[in-house]
Amino acid sequence: MPRVAFRLRIKADKEQEYEEAHRHVWPALLAKLKEVGISHYSIFRREQDLILVMQVADFDAAWTALDKDETNLKWQQEMAALFEPVPGLQPGERFAMMKEVFYLD
């Protein structure tokens, strides 16, 4: 199964609020993530920078489905207040996708 990773950035002084929210991710959202094919999903944080890593067969199809899901839309609306633009995001890019250069299974 393909693995993907991308970078997000949270606002200064919002780190603890972000972590608290992710200690209590809504069960309906977790179920939806699995339903669209996302698994082995991790979020790593260093200061304001986040790296999200997951396995998903079709990343674009998964996010298209999530964009139509009411639970996800509500979660994203609440999280939006915590984010700031990611440096280096190219025009038209939704996420700052990372290129995998090494993997040890």
PDB file of N, CA and C in Angstrom:
ATOM      1  N   MET A   1       0.863  -1.181   0.000  1.00  0.00           N
ATOM      2  CA  MET A   1       0.000   0.000   0.000  1.00  0.00           C
ATOM      3  C   MET A   1       0.901   1.233   0.000  1.00  0.00           C
ATOM      4  N   PRO A   2       0.627   2.186  -0.871  1.00  0.00           N
ATOM      5  CA  PRO A   2       1.442   3.409  -0.918  1.00  0.00           C
ATOM      6  C   PRO A   2       1.370   4.192   0.395  1.00  0.00           C
ATOM      7  N   ARG A   3       2.488   4.811   0.727  1.00  0.00           N
ATOM      8  CA  ARG A   3       2.565   5.716   1.878  1.00  0.00           C
ATOM      9  C   ARG A   3       2.728   7.124   1.346  1.00  0.00           C
ATOM     10  N   VAL A   4       2.070   8.064   1.988  1.00  0.00           N
ATOM     11  CA  VAL A   4       2.226   9.468   1.614  1.00  0.00           C
ATOM     12  C   VAL A   4       2.506  10.275   2.865  1.00  0.00           C
ATOM     13  N   ALA A   5       3.129  11.407   2.662  1.00  0.00           N
ATOM     14  CA  ALA A   5       3.408  12.313   3.777  1.00  0.00           C
ATOM     15  C   ALA A   5       3.285  13.739   3.267  1.00  0.00           C
ATOM     16  N   PHE A   6       2.824  14.595   4.160  1.00  0.00           N
ATOM     17  CA  PHE A   6       2.773  16.009   3.818  1.00  0.00           C
ATOM     18  C   PHE A   6       2.970  16.838   5.075  1.00  0.00           C
ATOM     19  N   ARG A   7       3.234  18.109   4.829  1.00  0.00           N
ATOM     20  CA  ARG A   7       3.577  19.023   5.914  1.00  0.00           C
ATOM     21  C   ARG A   7       2.474  20.051   6.115  1.00  0.00           C
ATOM     22  N   LEU A   8       2.193  20.338   7.373  1.00  0.00           N
ATOM     23  CA  LEU A   8       1.299  21.429   7.759  1.00  0.00           C
ATOM     24  C   LEU A   8       2.010  22.260   8.810  1.00  0.00           C
ATOM     25  N   ARG A   9       1.478  23.417   9.116  1.00  0.00           N
ATOM     26  CA  ARG A   9       2.092  24.297  10.113  1.00  0.00           C
ATOM     27  C   ARG A   9       0.990  24.908  10.977  1.00  0.00           C
ATOM     28  N   ILE A  10       1.163  24.767  12.280  1.00  0.00           N
ATOM     29  CA  ILE A  10       0.194  25.360  13.188  1.00  0.00           C
ATOM     30  C   ILE A  10       0.707  26.714  13.674  1.00  0.00           C
ATOM     31  N   LYS A  11      -0.227  27.563  14.057  1.00  0.00           N
ATOM     32  CA  LYS A  11       0.123  28.897  14.532  1.00  0.00           C
ATOM     33  C   LYS A  11       0.905  28.812  15.842  1.00  0.00           C
ATOM     34  N   ALA A  12       1.781  29.783  16.041  1.00  0.00           N
ATOM     35  CA  ALA A  12       2.516  29.880  17.302  1.00  0.00           C
ATOM     36  C   ALA A  12       1.506  29.967  18.438  1.00  0.00           C
ATOM     37  N   ASP A  13       1.804  29.312  19.506  1.00  0.00           N
ATOM     38  CA  ASP A  13       0.957  29.272  20.703  1.00  0.00           C
ATOM     39  C   ASP A  13      -0.318  28.450  20.532  1.00  0.00           C
ATOM     40  N   LYS A  14      -0.449  27.696  19.448  1.00  0.00           N
ATOM     41  CA  LYS A  14      -1.607  26.816  19.253  1.00  0.00           C
ATOM     42  C   LYS A  14      -1.212  25.335  19.345  1.00  0.00           C
ATOM     43  N   GLU A  15       0.049  25.077  19.662  1.00  0.00           N
ATOM     44  CA  GLU A  15       0.539  23.698  19.681  1.00  0.00           C
ATOM     45  C   GLU A  15      -0.232  22.822  20.672  1.00  0.00           C
ATOM     46  N   GLN A  16      -0.428  23.313  21.876  1.00  0.00           N
ATOM     47  CA  GLN A  16      -1.105  22.504  22.891  1.00  0.00           C
ATOM     48  C   GLN A  16      -2.579  22.294  22.543  1.00  0.00           C
ATOM     49  N   GLU A  17      -3.222  23.299  22.000  1.00  0.00           N
ATOM     50  CA  GLU A  17      -4.623  23.166  21.585  1.00  0.00           C
ATOM     51  C   GLU A  17      -4.754  22.105  20.491  1.00  0.00           C
ATOM     52  N   TYR A  18      -3.808  22.103  19.556  1.00  0.00           N
ATOM     53  CA  TYR A  18      -3.806  21.113  18.482  1.00  0.00           C
ATOM     54  C   TYR A  18      -3.626  19.711  19.053  1.00  0.00           C
ATOM     55  N   GLU A  19      -2.661  19.554  19.948  1.00  0.00           N
ATOM     56  CA  GLU A  19      -2.416  18.235  20.532  1.00  0.00           C
ATOM     57  C   GLU A  19      -3.616  17.763  21.352  1.00  0.00           C
ATOM     58  N   GLU A  20      -4.235  18.656  22.089  1.00  0.00           N
ATOM     59  CA  GLU A  20      -5.404  18.285  22.888  1.00  0.00           C
ATOM     60  C   GLU A  20      -6.531  17.791  21.982  1.00  0.00           C
ATOM     61  N   ALA A  21      -6.768  18.479  20.895  1.00  0.00           N
ATOM     62  CA  ALA A  21      -7.813  18.049  19.958  1.00  0.00           C
ATOM     63  C   ALA A  21      -7.524  16.650  19.431  1.00  0.00           C
ATOM     64  N   HIS A  22      -6.255  16.352  19.185  1.00  0.00           N
ATOM     65  CA  HIS A  22      -5.911  15.052  18.622  1.00  0.00           C
ATOM     66  C   HIS A  22      -5.840  13.935  19.665  1.00  0.00           C
ATOM     67  N   ARG A  23      -5.963  14.275  20.928  1.00  0.00           N
ATOM     68  CA  ARG A  23      -6.137  13.241  21.953  1.00  0.00           C
ATOM     69  C   ARG A  23      -7.595  12.797  22.017  1.00  0.00           C
ATOM     70  N   HIS A  24      -8.463  13.552  21.343  1.00  0.00           N
ATOM     71  CA  HIS A  24      -9.900  13.282  21.397  1.00  0.00           C
ATOM     72  C   HIS A  24     -10.528  13.369  20.003  1.00  0.00           C
ATOM     73  N   VAL A  25      -9.888  12.756  19.015  1.00  0.00           N
ATOM     74  CA  VAL A  25     -10.456  12.777  17.663  1.00  0.00           C
ATOM     75  C   VAL A  25     -11.793  12.031  17.695  1.00  0.00           C
ATOM     76  N   TRP A  26     -12.763  12.617  17.057  1.00  0.00           N
ATOM     77  CA  TRP A  26     -14.116  12.071  17.076  1.00  0.00           C
ATOM     78  C   TRP A  26     -14.151  10.664  16.470  1.00  0.00           C
ATOM     79  N   PRO A  27     -14.806   9.720  17.106  1.00  0.00           N
ATOM     80  CA  PRO A  27     -14.910   8.361  16.557  1.00  0.00           C
ATOM     81  C   PRO A  27     -15.490   8.323  15.145  1.00  0.00           C
ATOM     82  N   ALA A  28     -16.467   9.172  14.855  1.00  0.00           N
ATOM     83  CA  ALA A  28     -17.050   9.196  13.504  1.00  0.00           C
ATOM     84  C   ALA A  28     -16.018   9.613  12.461  1.00  0.00           C
ATOM     85  N   LEU A  29     -15.117  10.513  12.821  1.00  0.00           N
ATOM     86  CA  LEU A  29     -14.069  10.925  11.895  1.00  0.00           C
ATOM     87  C   LEU A  29     -13.055   9.801  11.700  1.00  0.00           C
ATOM     88  N   LEU A  30     -12.672   9.145  12.771  1.00  0.00           N
ATOM     89  CA  LEU A  30     -11.751   8.007  12.657  1.00  0.00           C
ATOM     90  C   LEU A  30     -12.332   6.921  11.751  1.00  0.00           C
ATOM     91  N   ALA A  31     -13.620   6.651  11.915  1.00  0.00           N
ATOM     92  CA  ALA A  31     -14.280   5.649  11.080  1.00  0.00           C
ATOM     93  C   ALA A  31     -14.278   6.080   9.615  1.00  0.00           C
ATOM     94  N   LYS A  32     -14.522   7.359   9.359  1.00  0.00           N
ATOM     95  CA  LYS A  32     -14.537   7.860   7.982  1.00  0.00           C
ATOM     96  C   LYS A  32     -13.156   7.763   7.352  1.00  0.00           C
ATOM     97  N   LEU A  33     -12.112   8.088   8.105  1.00  0.00           N
ATOM     98  CA  LEU A  33     -10.752   7.972   7.570  1.00  0.00           C
ATOM     99  C   LEU A  33     -10.483   6.539   7.119  1.00  0.00           C
ATOM    100  N   LYS A  34     -10.876   5.586   7.940  1.00  0.00           N
ATOM    101  CA  LYS A  34     -10.688   4.175   7.568  1.00  0.00           C
ATOM    102  C   LYS A  34     -11.550   3.813   6.357  1.00  0.00           C
ATOM    103  N   GLU A  35     -12.773   4.317   6.335  1.00  0.00           N
ATOM    104  CA  GLU A  35     -13.691   4.017   5.233  1.00  0.00           C
ATOM    105  C   GLU A  35     -13.135   4.465   3.888  1.00  0.00           C
ATOM    106  N   VAL A  36     -12.449   5.605   3.853  1.00  0.00           N
ATOM    107  CA  VAL A  36     -11.896   6.094   2.577  1.00  0.00           C
ATOM    108  C   VAL A  36     -10.541   5.480   2.265  1.00  0.00           C
ATOM    109  N   GLY A  37     -10.076   4.578   3.127  1.00  0.00           N
ATOM    110  CA  GLY A  37      -8.860   3.825   2.825  1.00  0.00           C
ATOM    111  C   GLY A  37      -7.595   4.308   3.500  1.00  0.00           C
ATOM    112  N   ILE A  38      -7.699   5.200   4.471  1.00  0.00           N
ATOM    113  CA  ILE A  38      -6.517   5.699   5.174  1.00  0.00           C
ATOM    114  C   ILE A  38      -6.226   4.789   6.364  1.00  0.00           C
ATOM    115  N   SER A  39      -4.965   4.387   6.478  1.00  0.00           N
ATOM    116  CA  SER A  39      -4.546   3.557   7.610  1.00  0.00           C
ATOM    117  C   SER A  39      -3.121   3.934   8.005  1.00  0.00           C
ATOM    118  N   HIS A  40      -2.684   3.390   9.121  1.00  0.00           N
ATOM    119  CA  HIS A  40      -1.333   3.660   9.621  1.00  0.00           C
ATOM    120  C   HIS A  40      -1.020   5.149   9.550  1.00  0.00           C
ATOM    121  N   TYR A  41      -1.918   5.947  10.103  1.00  0.00           N
ATOM    122  CA  TYR A  41      -1.879   7.405  10.022  1.00  0.00           C
ATOM    123  C   TYR A  41      -1.194   7.947  11.277  1.00  0.00           C
ATOM    124  N   SER A  42      -0.119   8.693  11.093  1.00  0.00           N
ATOM    125  CA  SER A  42       0.603   9.320  12.196  1.00  0.00           C
ATOM    126  C   SER A  42       0.792  10.802  11.911  1.00  0.00           C
ATOM    127  N   ILE A  43       0.821  11.577  12.985  1.00  0.00           N
ATOM    128  CA  ILE A  43       1.160  12.996  12.887  1.00  0.00           C
ATOM    129  C   ILE A  43       2.319  13.251  13.833  1.00  0.00           C
ATOM    130  N   PHE A  44       3.383  13.805  13.304  1.00  0.00           N
ATOM    131  CA  PHE A  44       4.557  14.152  14.091  1.00  0.00           C
ATOM    132  C   PHE A  44       4.645  15.672  14.177  1.00  0.00           C
ATOM    133  N   ARG A  45       5.064  16.178  15.323  1.00  0.00           N
ATOM    134  CA  ARG A  45       5.166  17.627  15.494  1.00  0.00           C
ATOM    135  C   ARG A  45       6.527  18.003  16.057  1.00  0.00           C
ATOM    136  N   ARG A  46       7.088  19.056  15.516  1.00  0.00           N
ATOM    137  CA  ARG A  46       8.268  19.716  16.073  1.00  0.00           C
ATOM    138  C   ARG A  46       7.969  21.203  16.030  1.00  0.00           C
ATOM    139  N   GLU A  47       7.787  21.777  17.211  1.00  0.00           N
ATOM    140  CA  GLU A  47       7.380  23.175  17.335  1.00  0.00           C
ATOM    141  C   GLU A  47       6.107  23.386  16.515  1.00  0.00           C
ATOM    142  N   GLN A  48       6.113  24.244  15.521  1.00  0.00           N
ATOM    143  CA  GLN A  48       4.907  24.509  14.744  1.00  0.00           C
ATOM    144  C   GLN A  48       4.737  23.582  13.546  1.00  0.00           C
ATOM    145  N   ASP A  49       5.770  22.860  13.193  1.00  0.00           N
ATOM    146  CA  ASP A  49       5.730  22.028  11.991  1.00  0.00           C
ATOM    147  C   ASP A  49       5.152  20.654  12.275  1.00  0.00           C
ATOM    148  N   LEU A  50       4.252  20.236  11.395  1.00  0.00           N
ATOM    149  CA  LEU A  50       3.635  18.923  11.472  1.00  0.00           C
ATOM    150  C   LEU A  50       3.992  18.131  10.224  1.00  0.00           C
ATOM    151  N   ILE A  51       4.281  16.849  10.400  1.00  0.00           N
ATOM    152  CA  ILE A  51       4.448  15.930   9.280  1.00  0.00           C
ATOM    153  C   ILE A  51       3.388  14.851   9.459  1.00  0.00           C
ATOM    154  N   LEU A  52       2.522  14.690   8.467  1.00  0.00           N
ATOM    155  CA  LEU A  52       1.464  13.703   8.493  1.00  0.00           C
ATOM    156  C   LEU A  52       1.857  12.569   7.562  1.00  0.00           C
ATOM    157  N   VAL A  53       1.803  11.351   8.049  1.00  0.00           N
ATOM    158  CA  VAL A  53       2.218  10.174   7.287  1.00  0.00           C
ATOM    159  C   VAL A  53       1.086   9.158   7.349  1.00  0.00           C
ATOM    160  N   MET A  54       0.749   8.580   6.211  1.00  0.00           N
ATOM    161  CA  MET A  54      -0.330   7.593   6.179  1.00  0.00           C
ATOM    162  C   MET A  54      -0.157   6.626   5.027  1.00  0.00           C
ATOM    163  N   GLN A  55      -0.846   5.523   5.121  1.00  0.00           N
ATOM    164  CA  GLN A  55      -0.966   4.613   3.987  1.00  0.00           C
ATOM    165  C   GLN A  55      -2.344   4.836   3.384  1.00  0.00           C
ATOM    166  N   VAL A  56      -2.378   4.934   2.074  1.00  0.00           N
ATOM    167  CA  VAL A  56      -3.650   5.120   1.367  1.00  0.00           C
ATOM    168  C   VAL A  56      -3.436   4.747  -0.098  1.00  0.00           C
ATOM    169  N   ALA A  57      -4.353   3.937  -0.623  1.00  0.00           N
ATOM    170  CA  ALA A  57      -4.211   3.469  -2.007  1.00  0.00           C
ATOM    171  C   ALA A  57      -4.320   4.622  -3.001  1.00  0.00           C
ATOM    172  N   ASP A  58      -5.257   5.543  -2.766  1.00  0.00           N
ATOM    173  CA  ASP A  58      -5.473   6.665  -3.688  1.00  0.00           C
ATOM    174  C   ASP A  58      -5.712   7.930  -2.853  1.00  0.00           C
ATOM    175  N   PHE A  59      -4.666   8.690  -2.623  1.00  0.00           N
ATOM    176  CA  PHE A  59      -4.725   9.881  -1.783  1.00  0.00           C
ATOM    177  C   PHE A  59      -5.765  10.871  -2.275  1.00  0.00           C
ATOM    178  N   ASP A  60      -5.755  11.162  -3.571  1.00  0.00           N
ATOM    179  CA  ASP A  60      -6.686  12.152  -4.114  1.00  0.00           C
ATOM    180  C   ASP A  60      -8.135  11.700  -3.959  1.00  0.00           C
ATOM    181  N   ALA A  61      -8.420  10.438  -4.210  1.00  0.00           N
ATOM    182  CA  ALA A  61      -9.786   9.928  -4.052  1.00  0.00           C
ATOM    183  C   ALA A  61     -10.221   9.979  -2.598  1.00  0.00           C
ATOM    184  N   ALA A  62      -9.315   9.657  -1.680  1.00  0.00           N
ATOM    185  CA  ALA A  62      -9.639   9.704  -0.250  1.00  0.00           C
ATOM    186  C   ALA A  62     -10.002  11.123   0.170  1.00  0.00           C
ATOM    187  N   TRP A  63      -9.201  12.116  -0.254  1.00  0.00           N
ATOM    188  CA  TRP A  63      -9.482  13.495   0.146  1.00  0.00           C
ATOM    189  C   TRP A  63     -10.715  14.062  -0.553  1.00  0.00           C
ATOM    190  N   THR A  64     -10.991  13.603  -1.757  1.00  0.00           N
ATOM    191  CA  THR A  64     -12.220  14.019  -2.435  1.00  0.00           C
ATOM    192  C   THR A  64     -13.434  13.529  -1.649  1.00  0.00           C
ATOM    193  N   ALA A  65     -13.381  12.285  -1.179  1.00  0.00           N
ATOM    194  CA  ALA A  65     -14.482  11.740  -0.367  1.00  0.00           C
ATOM    195  C   ALA A  65     -14.590  12.476   0.959  1.00  0.00           C
ATOM    196  N   LEU A  66     -13.461  12.772   1.589  1.00  0.00           N
ATOM    197  CA  LEU A  66     -13.486  13.487   2.859  1.00  0.00           C
ATOM    198  C   LEU A  66     -14.047  14.891   2.706  1.00  0.00           C
ATOM    199  N   ASP A  67     -13.801  15.510   1.555  1.00  0.00           N
ATOM    200  CA  ASP A  67     -14.316  16.860   1.305  1.00  0.00           C
ATOM    201  C   ASP A  67     -15.844  16.909   1.236  1.00  0.00           C
ATOM    202  N   LYS A  68     -16.480  15.749   1.085  1.00  0.00           N
ATOM    203  CA  LYS A  68     -17.937  15.678   0.999  1.00  0.00           C
ATOM    204  C   LYS A  68     -18.560  15.186   2.308  1.00  0.00           C
ATOM    205  N   ASP A  69     -17.740  14.872   3.280  1.00  0.00           N
ATOM    206  CA  ASP A  69     -18.228  14.296   4.535  1.00  0.00           C
ATOM    207  C   ASP A  69     -18.468  15.383   5.582  1.00  0.00           C
ATOM    208  N   GLU A  70     -19.670  15.437   6.117  1.00  0.00           N
ATOM    209  CA  GLU A  70     -20.041  16.478   7.081  1.00  0.00           C
ATOM    210  C   GLU A  70     -19.167  16.460   8.335  1.00  0.00           C
ATOM    211  N   THR A  71     -18.860  15.278   8.849  1.00  0.00           N
ATOM    212  CA  THR A  71     -18.034  15.195  10.058  1.00  0.00           C
ATOM    213  C   THR A  71     -16.645  15.750   9.791  1.00  0.00           C
ATOM    214  N   ASN A  72     -16.058  15.361   8.668  1.00  0.00           N
ATOM    215  CA  ASN A  72     -14.731  15.869   8.323  1.00  0.00           C
ATOM    216  C   ASN A  72     -14.764  17.381   8.111  1.00  0.00           C
ATOM    217  N   LEU A  73     -15.784  17.869   7.429  1.00  0.00           N
ATOM    218  CA  LEU A  73     -15.877  19.306   7.176  1.00  0.00           C
ATOM    219  C   LEU A  73     -15.962  20.089   8.480  1.00  0.00           C
ATOM    220  N   LYS A  74     -16.712  19.569   9.448  1.00  0.00           N
ATOM    221  CA  LYS A  74     -16.815  20.239  10.744  1.00  0.00           C
ATOM    222  C   LYS A  74     -15.470  20.207  11.475  1.00  0.00           C
ATOM    223  N   TRP A  75     -14.780  19.067  11.432  1.00  0.00           N
ATOM    224  CA  TRP A  75     -13.450  18.948  12.066  1.00  0.00           C
ATOM    225  C   TRP A  75     -12.480  19.936  11.412  1.00  0.00           C
ATOM    226  N   GLN A  76     -12.454  19.971  10.095  1.00  0.00           N
ATOM    227  CA  GLN A  76     -11.540  20.869   9.382  1.00  0.00           C
ATOM    228  C   GLN A  76     -11.846  22.331   9.707  1.00  0.00           C
ATOM    229  N   GLN A  77     -13.108  22.660   9.856  1.00  0.00           N
ATOM    230  CA  GLN A  77     -13.482  24.034  10.206  1.00  0.00           C
ATOM    231  C   GLN A  77     -12.925  24.395  11.587  1.00  0.00           C
ATOM    232  N   GLU A  78     -13.021  23.489  12.538  1.00  0.00           N
ATOM    233  CA  GLU A  78     -12.493  23.745  13.872  1.00  0.00           C
ATOM    234  C   GLU A  78     -10.964  23.823  13.861  1.00  0.00           C
ATOM    235  N   MET A  79     -10.319  22.984  13.085  1.00  0.00           N
ATOM    236  CA  MET A  79      -8.853  22.962  13.028  1.00  0.00           C
ATOM    237  C   MET A  79      -8.285  24.143  12.256  1.00  0.00           C
ATOM    238  N   ALA A  80      -9.051  24.699  11.322  1.00  0.00           N
ATOM    239  CA  ALA A  80      -8.555  25.788  10.468  1.00  0.00           C
ATOM    240  C   ALA A  80      -8.046  26.971  11.281  1.00  0.00           C
ATOM    241  N   ALA A  81      -8.649  27.229  12.422  1.00  0.00           N
ATOM    242  CA  ALA A  81      -8.217  28.357  13.261  1.00  0.00           C
ATOM    243  C   ALA A  81      -6.827  28.141  13.856  1.00  0.00           C
ATOM    244  N   LEU A  82      -6.341  26.914  13.804  1.00  0.00           N
ATOM    245  CA  LEU A  82      -5.042  26.597  14.392  1.00  0.00           C
ATOM    246  C   LEU A  82      -3.897  26.644  13.388  1.00  0.00           C
ATOM    247  N   PHE A  83      -4.203  26.669  12.095  1.00  0.00           N
ATOM    248  CA  PHE A  83      -3.169  26.565  11.057  1.00  0.00           C
ATOM    249  C   PHE A  83      -2.753  27.912  10.496  1.00  0.00           C
ATOM    250  N   GLU A  84      -1.522  27.933  10.003  1.00  0.00           N
ATOM    251  CA  GLU A  84      -1.032  29.069   9.216  1.00  0.00           C
ATOM    252  C   GLU A  84      -0.512  28.509   7.902  1.00  0.00           C
ATOM    253  N   PRO A  85      -0.318  29.353   6.897  1.00  0.00           N
ATOM    254  CA  PRO A  85       0.167  28.853   5.604  1.00  0.00           C
ATOM    255  C   PRO A  85       1.512  28.139   5.736  1.00  0.00           C
ATOM    256  N   VAL A  86       1.669  27.105   4.939  1.00  0.00           N
ATOM    257  CA  VAL A  86       2.909  26.345   4.919  1.00  0.00           C
ATOM    258  C   VAL A  86       3.907  27.048   4.008  1.00  0.00           C
ATOM    259  N   PRO A  87       5.104  27.343   4.511  1.00  0.00           N
ATOM    260  CA  PRO A  87       6.116  27.953   3.639  1.00  0.00           C
ATOM    261  C   PRO A  87       6.456  27.019   2.477  1.00  0.00           C
ATOM    262  N   GLY A  88       6.605  27.601   1.312  1.00  0.00           N
ATOM    263  CA  GLY A  88       7.020  26.821   0.152  1.00  0.00           C
ATOM    264  C   GLY A  88       5.896  26.127  -0.586  1.00  0.00           C
ATOM    265  N   LEU A  89       4.652  26.344  -0.183  1.00  0.00           N
ATOM    266  CA  LEU A  89       3.523  25.744  -0.884  1.00  0.00           C
ATOM    267  C   LEU A  89       3.449  26.345  -2.283  1.00  0.00           C
ATOM    268  N   GLN A  90       3.382  25.496  -3.283  1.00  0.00           N
ATOM    269  CA  GLN A  90       3.354  25.949  -4.671  1.00  0.00           C
ATOM    270  C   GLN A  90       1.938  26.355  -5.061  1.00  0.00           C
ATOM    271  N   PRO A  91       1.790  27.274  -6.023  1.00  0.00           N
ATOM    272  CA  PRO A  91       0.451  27.669  -6.477  1.00  0.00           C
ATOM    273  C   PRO A  91      -0.344  26.433  -6.920  1.00  0.00           C
ATOM    274  N   GLY A  92      -1.573  26.336  -6.443  1.00  0.00           N
ATOM    275  CA  GLY A  92      -2.417  25.208  -6.805  1.00  0.00           C
ATOM    276  C   GLY A  92      -2.257  23.981  -5.916  1.00  0.00           C
ATOM    277  N   GLU A  93      -1.222  23.974  -5.074  1.00  0.00           N
ATOM    278  CA  GLU A  93      -1.027  22.839  -4.170  1.00  0.00           C
ATOM    279  C   GLU A  93      -1.950  22.969  -2.975  1.00  0.00           C
ATOM    280  N   ARG A  94      -2.575  21.892  -2.636  1.00  0.00           N
ATOM    281  CA  ARG A  94      -3.425  21.859  -1.445  1.00  0.00           C
ATOM    282  C   ARG A  94      -2.584  21.524  -0.212  1.00  0.00           C
ATOM    283  N   PHE A  95      -1.677  20.577  -0.383  1.00  0.00           N
ATOM    284  CA  PHE A  95      -0.798  20.149   0.698  1.00  0.00           C
ATOM    285  C   PHE A  95       0.648  20.216   0.226  1.00  0.00           C
ATOM    286  N   ALA A  96       1.548  20.437   1.168  1.00  0.00           N
ATOM    287  CA  ALA A  96       2.979  20.392   0.857  1.00  0.00           C
ATOM    288  C   ALA A  96       3.417  18.937   0.951  1.00  0.00           C
ATOM    289  N   MET A  97       3.251  18.227  -0.162  1.00  0.00           N
ATOM    290  CA  MET A  97       3.547  16.796  -0.191  1.00  0.00           C
ATOM    291  C   MET A  97       5.043  16.565  -0.063  1.00  0.00           C
ATOM    292  N   MET A  98       5.381  15.497   0.653  1.00  0.00           N
ATOM    293  CA  MET A  98       6.765  15.131   0.873  1.00  0.00           C
ATOM    294  C   MET A  98       7.133  13.992  -0.079  1.00  0.00           C
ATOM    295  N   LYS A  99       8.359  13.960  -0.527  1.00  0.00           N
ATOM    296  CA  LYS A  99       8.858  12.891  -1.384  1.00  0.00           C
ATOM    297  C   LYS A  99       9.571  11.873  -0.504  1.00  0.00           C
ATOM    298  N   GLU A 100       9.162  10.627  -0.561  1.00  0.00           N
ATOM    299  CA  GLU A 100       9.838   9.585   0.209  1.00  0.00           C
ATOM    300  C   GLU A 100      11.165   9.244  -0.476  1.00  0.00           C
ATOM    301  N   VAL A 101      12.242   9.359   0.268  1.00  0.00           N
ATOM    302  CA  VAL A 101      13.555   9.075  -0.304  1.00  0.00           C
ATOM    303  C   VAL A 101      14.189   7.828   0.320  1.00  0.00           C
ATOM    304  N   PHE A 102      13.600   7.299   1.379  1.00  0.00           N
ATOM    305  CA  PHE A 102      14.110   6.079   1.997  1.00  0.00           C
ATOM    306  C   PHE A 102      13.028   5.446   2.828  1.00  0.00           C
ATOM    307  N   TYR A 103      12.955   4.111   2.796  1.00  0.00           N
ATOM    308  CA  TYR A 103      11.995   3.369   3.608  1.00  0.00           C
ATOM    309  C   TYR A 103      12.600   2.017   3.950  1.00  0.00           C
ATOM    310  N   LEU A 104      12.581   1.668   5.212  1.00  0.00           N
ATOM    311  CA  LEU A 104      13.032   0.349   5.661  1.00  0.00           C
ATOM    312  C   LEU A 104      11.832  -0.371   6.210  1.00  0.00           C
ATOM    313  N   ASP A 105      11.475  -1.487   5.598  1.00  0.00           N
ATOM    314  CA  ASP A 105      10.331  -2.279   6.043  1.00  0.00           C
ATOM    315  C   ASP A 105      10.795  -3.346   7.002  1.00  0.00           C
TER     316      ASP A 105
END
